[in-house]
């Protein structure tokens, strides 16, 4: 891995299977994380990066932020049972998230962002004007800057507050990650294109990849009882929770997110 890993990494989950799987994947990425089953096992020295299980009964993001401070990056671990805890966790200061069961490619994308200092809680760039048209290769290095530009422009031209810094930021980040990981399979020869149309009270963001697309109607609601054991569909469900409207083109390789302030 080309980027330097965070100096201290903590995995906190009371579920042995979650801890074992995540620790194994992190070791493959070149780090040896600390492990905690409960709040009482948290180290005295704050970690640089915390993976925090959002399952019922686990410590909260707010508590972790209070104990470890603002310099600790937090990635929440979310399954279908704890999905409703994700938005409150993001609002409380969680910078990123991973769906369970874990996907090694998604973990690698998050790891690279945080290891390179491009995690979800870093500051955005300033001084942008006008609607945005972005195009970049399908590499994770471009994801954070694209999200930051769109959020900053939205705050200047459309609306501000949590609708911009939470809903829009997370929705655009999820859609871009999907375009890079699954649409273009992280092929740097393929491009991701973003068009953000910003007007007072409304942001319309279209993200297009060069992949074959998919049928969004075939993705079932992951929160209903018969689908809670499945790992697919949570990203799309999250987009629909965060945005006022989600539309795909006929091919399924372009998604348009509309949010109102």
C-alpha atoms as a PDB file:
ATOM      1  CA  UNK A   1       0.000   0.000   0.000  1.00  0.00           C
ATOM      2  CA  UNK A   2       1.480   3.345  -1.042  1.00  0.00           C
ATOM      3  CA  UNK A   3      -0.139   5.510   1.644  1.00  0.00           C
ATOM      4  CA  UNK A   4       1.050   5.469   5.228  1.00  0.00           C
ATOM      5  CA  UNK A   5      -1.387   3.741   7.543  1.00  0.00           C
ATOM      6  CA  UNK A   6      -2.893   5.554  10.545  1.00  0.00           C
ATOM      7  CA  UNK A   7      -0.561   5.098  13.522  1.00  0.00           C
ATOM      8  CA  UNK A   8      -3.203   3.591  15.820  1.00  0.00           C
ATOM      9  CA  UNK A   9      -6.304   1.692  14.700  1.00  0.00           C
ATOM     10  CA  UNK A  10      -9.022   0.425  17.046  1.00  0.00           C
ATOM     11  CA  UNK A  11     -11.776  -2.079  16.232  1.00  0.00           C
ATOM     12  CA  UNK A  12     -14.684  -1.940  18.701  1.00  0.00           C
ATOM     13  CA  UNK A  13     -17.432  -4.581  18.500  1.00  0.00           C
ATOM     14  CA  UNK A  14     -18.947  -6.999  20.985  1.00  0.00           C
ATOM     15  CA  UNK A  15     -19.535  -9.482  18.159  1.00  0.00           C
ATOM     16  CA  UNK A  16     -16.590 -11.912  17.781  1.00  0.00           C
ATOM     17  CA  UNK A  17     -17.349 -12.715  14.137  1.00  0.00           C
ATOM     18  CA  UNK A  18     -17.332  -9.017  13.190  1.00  0.00           C
ATOM     19  CA  UNK A  19     -14.076  -8.402  15.049  1.00  0.00           C
ATOM     20  CA  UNK A  20     -12.349 -11.433  13.563  1.00  0.00           C
ATOM     21  CA  UNK A  21     -13.357 -10.692   9.988  1.00  0.00           C
ATOM     22  CA  UNK A  22     -12.408  -7.011  10.144  1.00  0.00           C
ATOM     23  CA  UNK A  23      -9.120  -7.616  11.936  1.00  0.00           C
ATOM     24  CA  UNK A  24      -8.181 -10.240   9.349  1.00  0.00           C
ATOM     25  CA  UNK A  25      -8.866  -7.849   6.478  1.00  0.00           C
ATOM     26  CA  UNK A  26      -6.979  -5.020   8.175  1.00  0.00           C
ATOM     27  CA  UNK A  27      -3.950  -7.249   8.666  1.00  0.00           C
ATOM     28  CA  UNK A  28      -3.991  -7.934   4.938  1.00  0.00           C
ATOM     29  CA  UNK A  29      -3.849  -4.159   4.450  1.00  0.00           C
ATOM     30  CA  UNK A  30      -0.698  -4.014   6.551  1.00  0.00           C
ATOM     31  CA  UNK A  31      -1.867  -2.902   9.988  1.00  0.00           C
ATOM     32  CA  UNK A  32      -2.263  -4.597  13.371  1.00  0.00           C
ATOM     33  CA  UNK A  33      -5.330  -3.018  15.023  1.00  0.00           C
ATOM     34  CA  UNK A  34      -6.151  -2.890  18.700  1.00  0.00           C
ATOM     35  CA  UNK A  35      -9.374  -4.680  19.676  1.00  0.00           C
ATOM     36  CA  UNK A  36     -12.095  -3.760  22.154  1.00  0.00           C
ATOM     37  CA  UNK A  37     -15.288  -5.655  22.945  1.00  0.00           C
ATOM     38  CA  UNK A  38     -16.751  -2.957  25.226  1.00  0.00           C
ATOM     39  CA  UNK A  39     -16.284   0.682  26.180  1.00  0.00           C
ATOM     40  CA  UNK A  40     -14.276  -0.386  29.255  1.00  0.00           C
ATOM     41  CA  UNK A  41     -11.589  -1.844  26.973  1.00  0.00           C
ATOM     42  CA  UNK A  42     -10.949   1.383  25.071  1.00  0.00           C
ATOM     43  CA  UNK A  43      -7.277   2.447  25.240  1.00  0.00           C
ATOM     44  CA  UNK A  44      -6.143   5.524  27.146  1.00  0.00           C
ATOM     45  CA  UNK A  45      -4.324   6.844  24.083  1.00  0.00           C
ATOM     46  CA  UNK A  46      -6.831   7.854  21.370  1.00  0.00           C
ATOM     47  CA  UNK A  47      -6.631   5.928  18.097  1.00  0.00           C
ATOM     48  CA  UNK A  48      -6.159   7.721  14.804  1.00  0.00           C
ATOM     49  CA  UNK A  49      -8.912   5.558  13.282  1.00  0.00           C
ATOM     50  CA  UNK A  50     -11.802   3.790  15.016  1.00  0.00           C
ATOM     51  CA  UNK A  51     -14.052   1.124  13.490  1.00  0.00           C
ATOM     52  CA  UNK A  52     -17.186   1.238  15.657  1.00  0.00           C
ATOM     53  CA  UNK A  53     -20.010  -1.318  15.484  1.00  0.00           C
ATOM     54  CA  UNK A  54     -23.448   0.332  15.553  1.00  0.00           C
ATOM     55  CA  UNK A  55     -25.249  -2.786  16.781  1.00  0.00           C
ATOM     56  CA  UNK A  56     -27.655  -2.370  19.679  1.00  0.00           C
ATOM     57  CA  UNK A  57     -25.891  -2.014  23.016  1.00  0.00           C
ATOM     58  CA  UNK A  58     -22.571  -0.848  21.550  1.00  0.00           C
ATOM     59  CA  UNK A  59     -20.976   2.500  22.530  1.00  0.00           C
ATOM     60  CA  UNK A  60     -22.302   5.438  20.513  1.00  0.00           C
ATOM     61  CA  UNK A  61     -20.431   7.621  18.054  1.00  0.00           C
ATOM     62  CA  UNK A  62     -21.198  10.596  20.287  1.00  0.00           C
ATOM     63  CA  UNK A  63     -19.515   8.834  23.224  1.00  0.00           C
ATOM     64  CA  UNK A  64     -16.487   7.890  21.118  1.00  0.00           C
ATOM     65  CA  UNK A  65     -16.178  11.448  19.834  1.00  0.00           C
ATOM     66  CA  UNK A  66     -16.345  12.758  23.402  1.00  0.00           C
ATOM     67  CA  UNK A  67     -13.675  10.339  24.648  1.00  0.00           C
ATOM     68  CA  UNK A  68     -11.263  10.373  21.696  1.00  0.00           C
ATOM     69  CA  UNK A  69     -11.730  13.933  20.414  1.00  0.00           C
ATOM     70  CA  UNK A  70     -11.984  15.408  16.942  1.00  0.00           C
ATOM     71  CA  UNK A  71      -8.695  14.022  15.628  1.00  0.00           C
ATOM     72  CA  UNK A  72      -9.976  10.431  15.722  1.00  0.00           C
ATOM     73  CA  UNK A  73     -11.550   9.360  12.425  1.00  0.00           C
ATOM     74  CA  UNK A  74     -14.601   7.124  12.964  1.00  0.00           C
ATOM     75  CA  UNK A  75     -15.911   4.497  10.538  1.00  0.00           C
ATOM     76  CA  UNK A  76     -19.229   2.969  11.599  1.00  0.00           C
ATOM     77  CA  UNK A  77     -19.985  -0.719  10.971  1.00  0.00           C
ATOM     78  CA  UNK A  78     -23.607  -1.117   9.909  1.00  0.00           C
ATOM     79  CA  UNK A  79     -25.813  -4.117   9.188  1.00  0.00           C
ATOM     80  CA  UNK A  80     -29.495  -4.303   8.337  1.00  0.00           C
ATOM     81  CA  UNK A  81     -30.468  -4.486  12.000  1.00  0.00           C
ATOM     82  CA  UNK A  82     -28.563  -1.300  12.891  1.00  0.00           C
ATOM     83  CA  UNK A  83     -29.225   0.608   9.662  1.00  0.00           C
ATOM     84  CA  UNK A  84     -31.512   3.120  11.406  1.00  0.00           C
ATOM     85  CA  UNK A  85     -28.562   4.151  13.601  1.00  0.00           C
ATOM     86  CA  UNK A  86     -26.444   5.277  10.644  1.00  0.00           C
ATOM     87  CA  UNK A  87     -27.849   8.756  10.043  1.00  0.00           C
ATOM     88  CA  UNK A  88     -27.707   9.716  13.755  1.00  0.00           C
ATOM     89  CA  UNK A  89     -24.125   8.390  13.803  1.00  0.00           C
ATOM     90  CA  UNK A  90     -23.168  10.546  10.812  1.00  0.00           C
ATOM     91  CA  UNK A  91     -24.784  13.568  12.444  1.00  0.00           C
ATOM     92  CA  UNK A  92     -22.842  12.875  15.672  1.00  0.00           C
ATOM     93  CA  UNK A  93     -19.475  13.020  13.915  1.00  0.00           C
ATOM     94  CA  UNK A  94     -18.928   9.692  12.178  1.00  0.00           C
ATOM     95  CA  UNK A  95     -16.922  10.378   9.040  1.00  0.00           C
ATOM     96  CA  UNK A  96     -17.585   7.182   7.098  1.00  0.00           C
ATOM     97  CA  UNK A  97     -19.277   3.765   7.250  1.00  0.00           C
ATOM     98  CA  UNK A  98     -19.006   0.162   6.097  1.00  0.00           C
ATOM     99  CA  UNK A  99     -21.845  -2.267   5.528  1.00  0.00           C
ATOM    100  CA  UNK A 100     -21.758  -5.717   7.088  1.00  0.00           C
ATOM    101  CA  UNK A 101     -21.039  -8.384   5.980  1.00  0.00           C
ATOM    102  CA  UNK A 102     -17.788  -6.733   4.982  1.00  0.00           C
ATOM    103  CA  UNK A 103     -16.732  -6.304   1.376  1.00  0.00           C
ATOM    104  CA  UNK A 104     -12.940  -6.266   0.981  1.00  0.00           C
ATOM    105  CA  UNK A 105     -13.048  -3.758  -1.900  1.00  0.00           C
ATOM    106  CA  UNK A 106     -15.220  -1.332   0.057  1.00  0.00           C
ATOM    107  CA  UNK A 107     -12.927  -1.644   3.067  1.00  0.00           C
ATOM    108  CA  UNK A 108      -9.930  -1.005   0.839  1.00  0.00           C
ATOM    109  CA  UNK A 109     -11.540   2.151  -0.534  1.00  0.00           C
ATOM    110  CA  UNK A 110     -12.323   3.503   2.952  1.00  0.00           C
ATOM    111  CA  UNK A 111      -8.905   2.490   4.242  1.00  0.00           C
ATOM    112  CA  UNK A 112      -7.122   4.254   1.421  1.00  0.00           C
ATOM    113  CA  UNK A 113      -9.118   7.443   2.000  1.00  0.00           C
ATOM    114  CA  UNK A 114      -8.353   7.558   5.705  1.00  0.00           C
ATOM    115  CA  UNK A 115      -4.762   6.338   5.447  1.00  0.00           C
ATOM    116  CA  UNK A 116      -4.012   9.099   2.941  1.00  0.00           C
ATOM    117  CA  UNK A 117      -5.625  11.801   5.085  1.00  0.00           C
ATOM    118  CA  UNK A 118      -8.721  11.939   2.894  1.00  0.00           C
ATOM    119  CA  UNK A 119     -11.270  10.703   5.399  1.00  0.00           C
ATOM    120  CA  UNK A 120     -14.856  11.765   5.754  1.00  0.00           C
ATOM    121  CA  UNK A 121     -14.343  14.470   8.402  1.00  0.00           C
ATOM    122  CA  UNK A 122     -11.692  16.552   6.674  1.00  0.00           C
ATOM    123  CA  UNK A 123     -12.368  20.183   5.698  1.00  0.00           C
ATOM    124  CA  UNK A 124     -13.663  21.203   2.267  1.00  0.00           C
ATOM    125  CA  UNK A 125     -12.148  23.602  -0.234  1.00  0.00           C
ATOM    126  CA  UNK A 126     -13.389  27.177  -0.556  1.00  0.00           C
ATOM    127  CA  UNK A 127     -14.085  29.775  -3.198  1.00  0.00           C
ATOM    128  CA  UNK A 128     -16.184  27.943  -5.785  1.00  0.00           C
ATOM    129  CA  UNK A 129     -18.859  29.600  -7.881  1.00  0.00           C
ATOM    130  CA  UNK A 130     -21.368  28.421 -10.459  1.00  0.00           C
ATOM    131  CA  UNK A 131     -22.747  24.996 -11.339  1.00  0.00           C
ATOM    132  CA  UNK A 132     -20.182  22.215 -11.419  1.00  0.00           C
ATOM    133  CA  UNK A 133     -19.062  19.840 -14.121  1.00  0.00           C
ATOM    134  CA  UNK A 134     -16.425  17.345 -12.946  1.00  0.00           C
ATOM    135  CA  UNK A 135     -14.704  14.467 -14.722  1.00  0.00           C
ATOM    136  CA  UNK A 136     -11.969  12.252 -13.293  1.00  0.00           C
ATOM    137  CA  UNK A 137     -10.429   8.749 -13.493  1.00  0.00           C
ATOM    138  CA  UNK A 138     -11.969   5.954 -11.388  1.00  0.00           C
ATOM    139  CA  UNK A 139      -9.529   6.148  -8.491  1.00  0.00           C
ATOM    140  CA  UNK A 140     -10.330   6.779  -4.851  1.00  0.00           C
ATOM    141  CA  UNK A 141      -7.934   9.737  -4.674  1.00  0.00           C
ATOM    142  CA  UNK A 142     -10.513  11.838  -6.542  1.00  0.00           C
ATOM    143  CA  UNK A 143     -13.537  10.963  -4.423  1.00  0.00           C
ATOM    144  CA  UNK A 144     -13.036  13.237  -1.436  1.00  0.00           C
ATOM    145  CA  UNK A 145     -12.230  16.344  -3.485  1.00  0.00           C
ATOM    146  CA  UNK A 146     -15.272  15.837  -5.716  1.00  0.00           C
ATOM    147  CA  UNK A 147     -17.591  15.528  -2.709  1.00  0.00           C
ATOM    148  CA  UNK A 148     -16.013  18.574  -1.065  1.00  0.00           C
ATOM    149  CA  UNK A 149     -16.434  20.724  -4.160  1.00  0.00           C
ATOM    150  CA  UNK A 150     -20.094  19.803  -4.517  1.00  0.00           C
ATOM    151  CA  UNK A 151     -20.898  20.400  -0.836  1.00  0.00           C
ATOM    152  CA  UNK A 152     -19.076  23.751  -0.816  1.00  0.00           C
ATOM    153  CA  UNK A 153     -20.833  24.907  -3.976  1.00  0.00           C
ATOM    154  CA  UNK A 154     -24.180  23.806  -2.545  1.00  0.00           C
ATOM    155  CA  UNK A 155     -23.573  25.828   0.620  1.00  0.00           C
ATOM    156  CA  UNK A 156     -22.786  28.903  -1.477  1.00  0.00           C
ATOM    157  CA  UNK A 157     -25.482  28.607  -4.114  1.00  0.00           C
ATOM    158  CA  UNK A 158     -28.336  26.368  -2.961  1.00  0.00           C
ATOM    159  CA  UNK A 159     -28.692  25.665   0.770  1.00  0.00           C
ATOM    160  CA  UNK A 160     -26.584  25.003   3.853  1.00  0.00           C
ATOM    161  CA  UNK A 161     -26.901  23.226   7.192  1.00  0.00           C
ATOM    162  CA  UNK A 162     -27.262  19.478   7.669  1.00  0.00           C
ATOM    163  CA  UNK A 163     -29.002  19.017   4.325  1.00  0.00           C
ATOM    164  CA  UNK A 164     -25.700  19.991   2.663  1.00  0.00           C
ATOM    165  CA  UNK A 165     -23.099  18.717   5.133  1.00  0.00           C
ATOM    166  CA  UNK A 166     -24.862  15.436   5.948  1.00  0.00           C
ATOM    167  CA  UNK A 167     -27.515  14.423   3.405  1.00  0.00           C
ATOM    168  CA  UNK A 168     -25.818  15.721   0.264  1.00  0.00           C
ATOM    169  CA  UNK A 169     -22.299  14.830   1.387  1.00  0.00           C
ATOM    170  CA  UNK A 170     -23.130  11.230   2.271  1.00  0.00           C
ATOM    171  CA  UNK A 171     -25.420  10.656  -0.741  1.00  0.00           C
ATOM    172  CA  UNK A 172     -22.883  11.977  -3.241  1.00  0.00           C
ATOM    173  CA  UNK A 173     -20.080  10.046  -1.531  1.00  0.00           C
ATOM    174  CA  UNK A 174     -22.077   6.807  -1.694  1.00  0.00           C
ATOM    175  CA  UNK A 175     -22.997   7.323  -5.348  1.00  0.00           C
ATOM    176  CA  UNK A 176     -19.409   8.169  -6.314  1.00  0.00           C
ATOM    177  CA  UNK A 177     -18.044   5.158  -4.428  1.00  0.00           C
ATOM    178  CA  UNK A 178     -20.508   2.917  -6.268  1.00  0.00           C
ATOM    179  CA  UNK A 179     -19.493   4.441  -9.612  1.00  0.00           C
ATOM    180  CA  UNK A 180     -15.785   3.899  -8.903  1.00  0.00           C
ATOM    181  CA  UNK A 181     -16.026   0.458  -7.288  1.00  0.00           C
ATOM    182  CA  UNK A 182     -18.874  -1.267  -9.109  1.00  0.00           C
ATOM    183  CA  UNK A 183     -19.582   0.797 -12.206  1.00  0.00           C
ATOM    184  CA  UNK A 184     -16.010   1.201 -13.424  1.00  0.00           C
ATOM    185  CA  UNK A 185     -14.374  -1.542 -11.301  1.00  0.00           C
ATOM    186  CA  UNK A 186     -11.660   0.942 -10.201  1.00  0.00           C
ATOM    187  CA  UNK A 187     -10.325   1.038 -13.764  1.00  0.00           C
ATOM    188  CA  UNK A 188      -8.385   4.336 -14.030  1.00  0.00           C
ATOM    189  CA  UNK A 189      -8.898   4.273 -17.781  1.00  0.00           C
ATOM    190  CA  UNK A 190     -12.627   4.742 -17.210  1.00  0.00           C
ATOM    191  CA  UNK A 191     -14.045   8.095 -16.187  1.00  0.00           C
ATOM    192  CA  UNK A 192     -16.617   9.266 -13.675  1.00  0.00           C
ATOM    193  CA  UNK A 193     -18.588  12.357 -14.661  1.00  0.00           C
ATOM    194  CA  UNK A 194     -20.468  14.600 -12.256  1.00  0.00           C
ATOM    195  CA  UNK A 195     -22.883  17.396 -13.089  1.00  0.00           C
ATOM    196  CA  UNK A 196     -24.199  19.505 -10.195  1.00  0.00           C
ATOM    197  CA  UNK A 197     -26.978  21.986 -10.961  1.00  0.00           C
ATOM    198  CA  UNK A 198     -27.372  24.328  -8.016  1.00  0.00           C
ATOM    199  CA  UNK A 199     -30.057  26.922  -7.515  1.00  0.00           C
ATOM    200  CA  UNK A 200     -31.549  28.515  -4.379  1.00  0.00           C
ATOM    201  CA  UNK A 201     -33.204  25.761  -2.344  1.00  0.00           C
ATOM    202  CA  UNK A 202     -32.330  22.881  -4.687  1.00  0.00           C
ATOM    203  CA  UNK A 203     -29.325  20.753  -5.651  1.00  0.00           C
ATOM    204  CA  UNK A 204     -29.491  18.287  -8.555  1.00  0.00           C
ATOM    205  CA  UNK A 205     -26.401  16.084  -8.881  1.00  0.00           C
ATOM    206  CA  UNK A 206     -25.936  13.542 -11.677  1.00  0.00           C
ATOM    207  CA  UNK A 207     -23.163  10.941 -11.430  1.00  0.00           C
ATOM    208  CA  UNK A 208     -22.349   8.813 -14.477  1.00  0.00           C
ATOM    209  CA  UNK A 209     -19.851   5.969 -14.881  1.00  0.00           C
ATOM    210  CA  UNK A 210     -18.750   3.983 -17.944  1.00  0.00           C
ATOM    211  CA  UNK A 211     -19.900   0.600 -16.678  1.00  0.00           C
ATOM    212  CA  UNK A 212     -22.661  -1.655 -18.034  1.00  0.00           C
ATOM    213  CA  UNK A 213     -25.207  -0.397 -15.499  1.00  0.00           C
ATOM    214  CA  UNK A 214     -27.837  -2.347 -13.554  1.00  0.00           C
ATOM    215  CA  UNK A 215     -31.575  -2.513 -12.999  1.00  0.00           C
ATOM    216  CA  UNK A 216     -32.389  -0.531  -9.830  1.00  0.00           C
ATOM    217  CA  UNK A 217     -35.893  -2.013  -9.781  1.00  0.00           C
ATOM    218  CA  UNK A 218     -34.375  -5.438  -9.155  1.00  0.00           C
ATOM    219  CA  UNK A 219     -32.866  -4.257  -5.846  1.00  0.00           C
ATOM    220  CA  UNK A 220     -35.187  -5.155  -2.979  1.00  0.00           C
ATOM    221  CA  UNK A 221     -35.716  -3.215   0.249  1.00  0.00           C
ATOM    222  CA  UNK A 222     -33.004  -4.533   2.618  1.00  0.00           C
ATOM    223  CA  UNK A 223     -34.897  -3.519   5.762  1.00  0.00           C
ATOM    224  CA  UNK A 224     -37.940  -5.754   5.416  1.00  0.00           C
ATOM    225  CA  UNK A 225     -37.714  -9.030   7.398  1.00  0.00           C
ATOM    226  CA  UNK A 226     -37.318 -11.427   4.468  1.00  0.00           C
ATOM    227  CA  UNK A 227     -34.338  -9.443   3.102  1.00  0.00           C
ATOM    228  CA  UNK A 228     -32.421  -8.717   6.299  1.00  0.00           C
ATOM    229  CA  UNK A 229     -29.929 -11.489   5.671  1.00  0.00           C
ATOM    230  CA  UNK A 230     -28.957 -10.100   2.268  1.00  0.00           C
ATOM    231  CA  UNK A 231     -26.016  -7.767   1.758  1.00  0.00           C
ATOM    232  CA  UNK A 232     -27.267  -6.027  -1.394  1.00  0.00           C
ATOM    233  CA  UNK A 233     -29.408  -2.923  -1.713  1.00  0.00           C
ATOM    234  CA  UNK A 234     -28.349  -0.927   1.328  1.00  0.00           C
ATOM    235  CA  UNK A 235     -26.440   1.710  -0.633  1.00  0.00           C
ATOM    236  CA  UNK A 236     -29.449   2.387  -2.855  1.00  0.00           C
ATOM    237  CA  UNK A 237     -31.746   2.383   0.175  1.00  0.00           C
ATOM    238  CA  UNK A 238     -29.460   4.941   1.851  1.00  0.00           C
ATOM    239  CA  UNK A 239     -29.561   7.187  -1.226  1.00  0.00           C
ATOM    240  CA  UNK A 240     -33.346   7.139  -1.156  1.00  0.00           C
ATOM    241  CA  UNK A 241     -33.369   7.969   2.557  1.00  0.00           C
ATOM    242  CA  UNK A 242     -31.028  10.924   2.107  1.00  0.00           C
ATOM    243  CA  UNK A 243     -32.270  12.461  -1.150  1.00  0.00           C
ATOM    244  CA  UNK A 244     -35.721  13.794  -2.004  1.00  0.00           C
ATOM    245  CA  UNK A 245     -35.586  12.069  -5.391  1.00  0.00           C
ATOM    246  CA  UNK A 246     -33.340   9.387  -6.911  1.00  0.00           C
ATOM    247  CA  UNK A 247     -33.545   8.680 -10.635  1.00  0.00           C
ATOM    248  CA  UNK A 248     -31.510   6.349 -12.862  1.00  0.00           C
ATOM    249  CA  UNK A 249     -31.098   6.445 -16.615  1.00  0.00           C
ATOM    250  CA  UNK A 250     -32.340   3.548 -18.722  1.00  0.00           C
ATOM    251  CA  UNK A 251     -28.936   1.827 -18.705  1.00  0.00           C
ATOM    252  CA  UNK A 252     -28.516   2.135 -14.949  1.00  0.00           C
ATOM    253  CA  UNK A 253     -25.023   3.689 -15.108  1.00  0.00           C
ATOM    254  CA  UNK A 254     -26.147   7.225 -14.269  1.00  0.00           C
ATOM    255  CA  UNK A 255     -27.965   8.375 -11.132  1.00  0.00           C
ATOM    256  CA  UNK A 256     -29.495  11.795 -10.467  1.00  0.00           C
ATOM    257  CA  UNK A 257     -29.957  12.918  -6.868  1.00  0.00           C
ATOM    258  CA  UNK A 258     -32.264  15.815  -6.059  1.00  0.00           C
ATOM    259  CA  UNK A 259     -32.234  17.472  -2.630  1.00  0.00           C
ATOM    260  CA  UNK A 260     -34.185  20.483  -1.409  1.00  0.00           C
ATOM    261  CA  UNK A 261     -32.972  22.812   1.311  1.00  0.00           C
END
